[in-house]
Amino acid sequence: MLRSIFHLPELDEYIDILEEIIKRLPPGMVVHRLTGDGPKKLLIAPMWSADKKHVLNTINQRFMNDCLIQGSLYRK
């Protein structure tokens, strides 16, 4: 039902979006949170976000594989 109303990205798409945003952030800006972890019994979607450790490990691996550099596309 929710998928017909809202676009819920899969994990890979979410990481693609994160990468594009992080490349455009100022190099010195501190990013405090890439994902969250609320009570699992209240989670409706996306279900992949329930496994925070997996999400963070996957994000980290993708960033390393893609040689992501924060601020590489930053413009003042």
N, C-alpha and C. Protein backbone atom coordinates (compact mmCIF):
# COMPACT_ATOMS: atom_id res chain seq x y z
N MET A 1 0.82 -1.20 0.00
CA MET A 1 0.00 0.00 0.00
C MET A 1 0.86 1.26 0.00
N LEU A 2 1.82 1.35 0.91
CA LEU A 2 2.66 2.55 0.97
C LEU A 2 3.46 2.77 -0.30
N ARG A 3 3.89 1.71 -0.92
CA ARG A 3 4.70 1.85 -2.13
C ARG A 3 3.93 2.54 -3.25
N SER A 4 2.62 2.43 -3.24
CA SER A 4 1.85 3.10 -4.28
C SER A 4 1.66 4.59 -3.97
N ILE A 5 1.87 4.99 -2.73
CA ILE A 5 1.70 6.39 -2.34
C ILE A 5 3.05 7.10 -2.26
N PHE A 6 4.03 6.46 -1.67
CA PHE A 6 5.35 7.05 -1.47
C PHE A 6 6.40 6.21 -2.17
N HIS A 7 7.42 6.88 -2.66
CA HIS A 7 8.56 6.14 -3.20
C HIS A 7 9.49 5.81 -2.03
N LEU A 8 9.68 4.55 -1.77
CA LEU A 8 10.58 4.11 -0.71
C LEU A 8 11.82 3.52 -1.36
N PRO A 9 12.94 4.21 -1.26
CA PRO A 9 14.13 3.71 -1.94
C PRO A 9 14.65 2.42 -1.31
N GLU A 10 15.20 1.59 -2.16
CA GLU A 10 15.94 0.43 -1.66
C GLU A 10 17.27 0.94 -1.11
N LEU A 11 17.96 0.11 -0.40
CA LEU A 11 19.21 0.53 0.24
C LEU A 11 20.21 1.07 -0.78
N ASP A 12 20.38 0.40 -1.90
CA ASP A 12 21.34 0.87 -2.91
C ASP A 12 20.98 2.26 -3.43
N GLU A 13 19.72 2.50 -3.66
CA GLU A 13 19.29 3.82 -4.13
C GLU A 13 19.52 4.88 -3.05
N TYR A 14 19.25 4.53 -1.80
CA TYR A 14 19.48 5.44 -0.69
C TYR A 14 20.96 5.83 -0.63
N ILE A 15 21.84 4.86 -0.80
CA ILE A 15 23.28 5.14 -0.76
C ILE A 15 23.68 5.99 -1.95
N ASP A 16 23.10 5.74 -3.11
CA ASP A 16 23.38 6.60 -4.28
C ASP A 16 23.05 8.06 -3.96
N ILE A 17 21.92 8.27 -3.34
CA ILE A 17 21.49 9.63 -2.97
C ILE A 17 22.46 10.23 -1.94
N LEU A 18 22.81 9.44 -0.93
CA LEU A 18 23.77 9.91 0.08
C LEU A 18 25.08 10.35 -0.56
N GLU A 19 25.57 9.54 -1.48
CA GLU A 19 26.84 9.86 -2.13
C GLU A 19 26.75 11.20 -2.87
N GLU A 20 25.67 11.41 -3.57
CA GLU A 20 25.52 12.67 -4.31
C GLU A 20 25.45 13.87 -3.37
N ILE A 21 24.80 13.70 -2.25
CA ILE A 21 24.70 14.79 -1.27
C ILE A 21 26.05 15.05 -0.62
N ILE A 22 26.72 14.00 -0.18
CA ILE A 22 27.98 14.16 0.54
C ILE A 22 29.06 14.77 -0.34
N LYS A 23 29.05 14.45 -1.62
CA LYS A 23 30.02 15.06 -2.53
C LYS A 23 29.83 16.57 -2.62
N ARG A 24 28.63 17.04 -2.35
CA ARG A 24 28.32 18.46 -2.48
C ARG A 24 28.39 19.23 -1.16
N LEU A 25 28.60 18.54 -0.06
CA LEU A 25 28.72 19.21 1.23
C LEU A 25 30.11 19.83 1.36
N PRO A 26 30.22 20.91 2.13
CA PRO A 26 31.55 21.47 2.38
C PRO A 26 32.46 20.40 3.01
N PRO A 27 33.72 20.37 2.60
CA PRO A 27 34.63 19.35 3.11
C PRO A 27 34.74 19.31 4.64
N GLY A 28 34.62 20.45 5.29
CA GLY A 28 34.77 20.50 6.74
C GLY A 28 33.49 20.29 7.52
N MET A 29 32.38 20.11 6.84
CA MET A 29 31.10 19.94 7.53
C MET A 29 31.03 18.55 8.17
N VAL A 30 30.63 18.52 9.42
CA VAL A 30 30.49 17.25 10.14
C VAL A 30 29.10 16.68 9.88
N VAL A 31 29.06 15.43 9.47
CA VAL A 31 27.79 14.73 9.26
C VAL A 31 27.56 13.87 10.49
N HIS A 32 26.49 14.14 11.21
CA HIS A 32 26.24 13.43 12.47
C HIS A 32 25.47 12.14 12.30
N ARG A 33 24.67 12.03 11.25
CA ARG A 33 23.82 10.85 11.15
C ARG A 33 23.51 10.54 9.69
N LEU A 34 23.76 9.31 9.29
CA LEU A 34 23.42 8.86 7.94
C LEU A 34 22.18 7.98 7.95
N THR A 35 21.86 7.46 9.10
CA THR A 35 20.69 6.61 9.26
C THR A 35 20.25 6.67 10.71
N GLY A 36 19.07 6.23 10.97
CA GLY A 36 18.56 6.25 12.34
C GLY A 36 18.10 4.86 12.75
N ASP A 37 17.72 4.76 13.99
CA ASP A 37 17.19 3.47 14.46
C ASP A 37 16.14 3.70 15.54
N GLY A 38 14.93 3.81 15.08
CA GLY A 38 13.81 3.94 16.00
C GLY A 38 13.35 2.57 16.47
N PRO A 39 12.33 2.54 17.30
CA PRO A 39 11.81 1.25 17.77
C PRO A 39 11.33 0.39 16.59
N LYS A 40 11.84 -0.81 16.52
CA LYS A 40 11.53 -1.68 15.37
C LYS A 40 10.05 -2.02 15.27
N LYS A 41 9.36 -2.09 16.40
CA LYS A 41 7.94 -2.43 16.33
C LYS A 41 7.11 -1.27 15.76
N LEU A 42 7.69 -0.08 15.69
CA LEU A 42 6.98 1.06 15.10
C LEU A 42 7.36 1.29 13.63
N LEU A 43 8.38 0.58 13.16
CA LEU A 43 8.85 0.75 11.79
C LEU A 43 7.84 0.20 10.80
N ILE A 44 7.47 1.03 9.86
CA ILE A 44 6.56 0.60 8.79
C ILE A 44 7.37 0.30 7.53
N ALA A 45 8.30 1.17 7.21
CA ALA A 45 9.12 0.98 6.02
C ALA A 45 10.21 2.04 6.01
N PRO A 46 11.27 1.85 5.31
CA PRO A 46 11.71 0.65 4.61
C PRO A 46 12.29 -0.37 5.59
N MET A 47 12.03 -1.61 5.35
CA MET A 47 12.43 -2.65 6.28
C MET A 47 13.94 -2.81 6.37
N TRP A 48 14.67 -2.47 5.31
CA TRP A 48 16.12 -2.59 5.37
C TRP A 48 16.72 -1.69 6.44
N SER A 49 16.02 -0.63 6.81
CA SER A 49 16.55 0.31 7.81
C SER A 49 16.52 -0.27 9.22
N ALA A 50 15.88 -1.39 9.41
CA ALA A 50 15.81 -2.01 10.74
C ALA A 50 17.15 -2.59 11.17
N ASP A 51 18.01 -2.90 10.22
CA ASP A 51 19.32 -3.49 10.53
C ASP A 51 20.39 -2.42 10.38
N LYS A 52 20.50 -1.57 11.40
CA LYS A 52 21.39 -0.41 11.34
C LYS A 52 22.84 -0.81 11.07
N LYS A 53 23.30 -1.87 11.70
CA LYS A 53 24.69 -2.31 11.52
C LYS A 53 24.94 -2.67 10.05
N HIS A 54 24.03 -3.40 9.46
CA HIS A 54 24.16 -3.76 8.04
C HIS A 54 24.13 -2.51 7.16
N VAL A 55 23.22 -1.61 7.46
CA VAL A 55 23.11 -0.37 6.67
C VAL A 55 24.41 0.41 6.74
N LEU A 56 24.94 0.63 7.94
CA LEU A 56 26.17 1.40 8.08
C LEU A 56 27.36 0.70 7.43
N ASN A 57 27.44 -0.62 7.57
CA ASN A 57 28.52 -1.36 6.92
C ASN A 57 28.43 -1.26 5.40
N THR A 58 27.22 -1.34 4.88
CA THR A 58 27.01 -1.25 3.43
C THR A 58 27.35 0.15 2.93
N ILE A 59 26.93 1.17 3.66
CA ILE A 59 27.27 2.55 3.30
C ILE A 59 28.79 2.72 3.29
N ASN A 60 29.44 2.29 4.35
CA ASN A 60 30.90 2.42 4.45
C ASN A 60 31.60 1.71 3.30
N GLN A 61 31.17 0.50 2.98
CA GLN A 61 31.79 -0.26 1.89
C GLN A 61 31.61 0.44 0.56
N ARG A 62 30.41 0.93 0.30
CA ARG A 62 30.15 1.65 -0.96
C ARG A 62 30.99 2.92 -1.06
N PHE A 63 31.07 3.67 0.05
CA PHE A 63 31.86 4.90 0.04
C PHE A 63 33.32 4.58 -0.28
N MET A 64 33.84 3.52 0.31
CA MET A 64 35.23 3.14 0.05
C MET A 64 35.40 2.65 -1.39
N ASN A 65 34.50 1.81 -1.86
CA ASN A 65 34.59 1.29 -3.23
C ASN A 65 34.50 2.40 -4.27
N ASP A 66 33.68 3.41 -3.98
CA ASP A 66 33.47 4.51 -4.92
C ASP A 66 34.46 5.66 -4.70
N CYS A 67 35.39 5.47 -3.75
CA CYS A 67 36.38 6.51 -3.42
C CYS A 67 35.70 7.85 -3.16
N LEU A 68 34.63 7.81 -2.40
CA LEU A 68 33.85 9.01 -2.11
C LEU A 68 34.68 9.99 -1.29
N ILE A 69 34.70 11.23 -1.72
CA ILE A 69 35.38 12.29 -0.98
C ILE A 69 34.37 13.39 -0.72
N GLN A 70 34.10 13.62 0.56
CA GLN A 70 33.17 14.68 0.92
C GLN A 70 33.68 16.01 0.39
N GLY A 71 32.81 16.73 -0.29
CA GLY A 71 33.16 18.04 -0.80
C GLY A 71 33.79 18.04 -2.18
N SER A 72 33.93 16.86 -2.79
CA SER A 72 34.59 16.81 -4.11
C SER A 72 33.84 17.61 -5.17
N LEU A 73 32.55 17.83 -4.99
CA LEU A 73 31.77 18.64 -5.93
C LEU A 73 31.24 19.92 -5.28
N TYR A 74 31.81 20.27 -4.14
CA TYR A 74 31.35 21.45 -3.40
C TYR A 74 31.69 22.72 -4.15
N ARG A 75 30.73 23.63 -4.19
CA ARG A 75 30.94 24.96 -4.78
C ARG A 75 30.53 26.00 -3.77
N LYS A 76 31.36 27.00 -3.59
CA LYS A 76 31.03 28.09 -2.65
C LYS A 76 30.01 29.00 -3.25
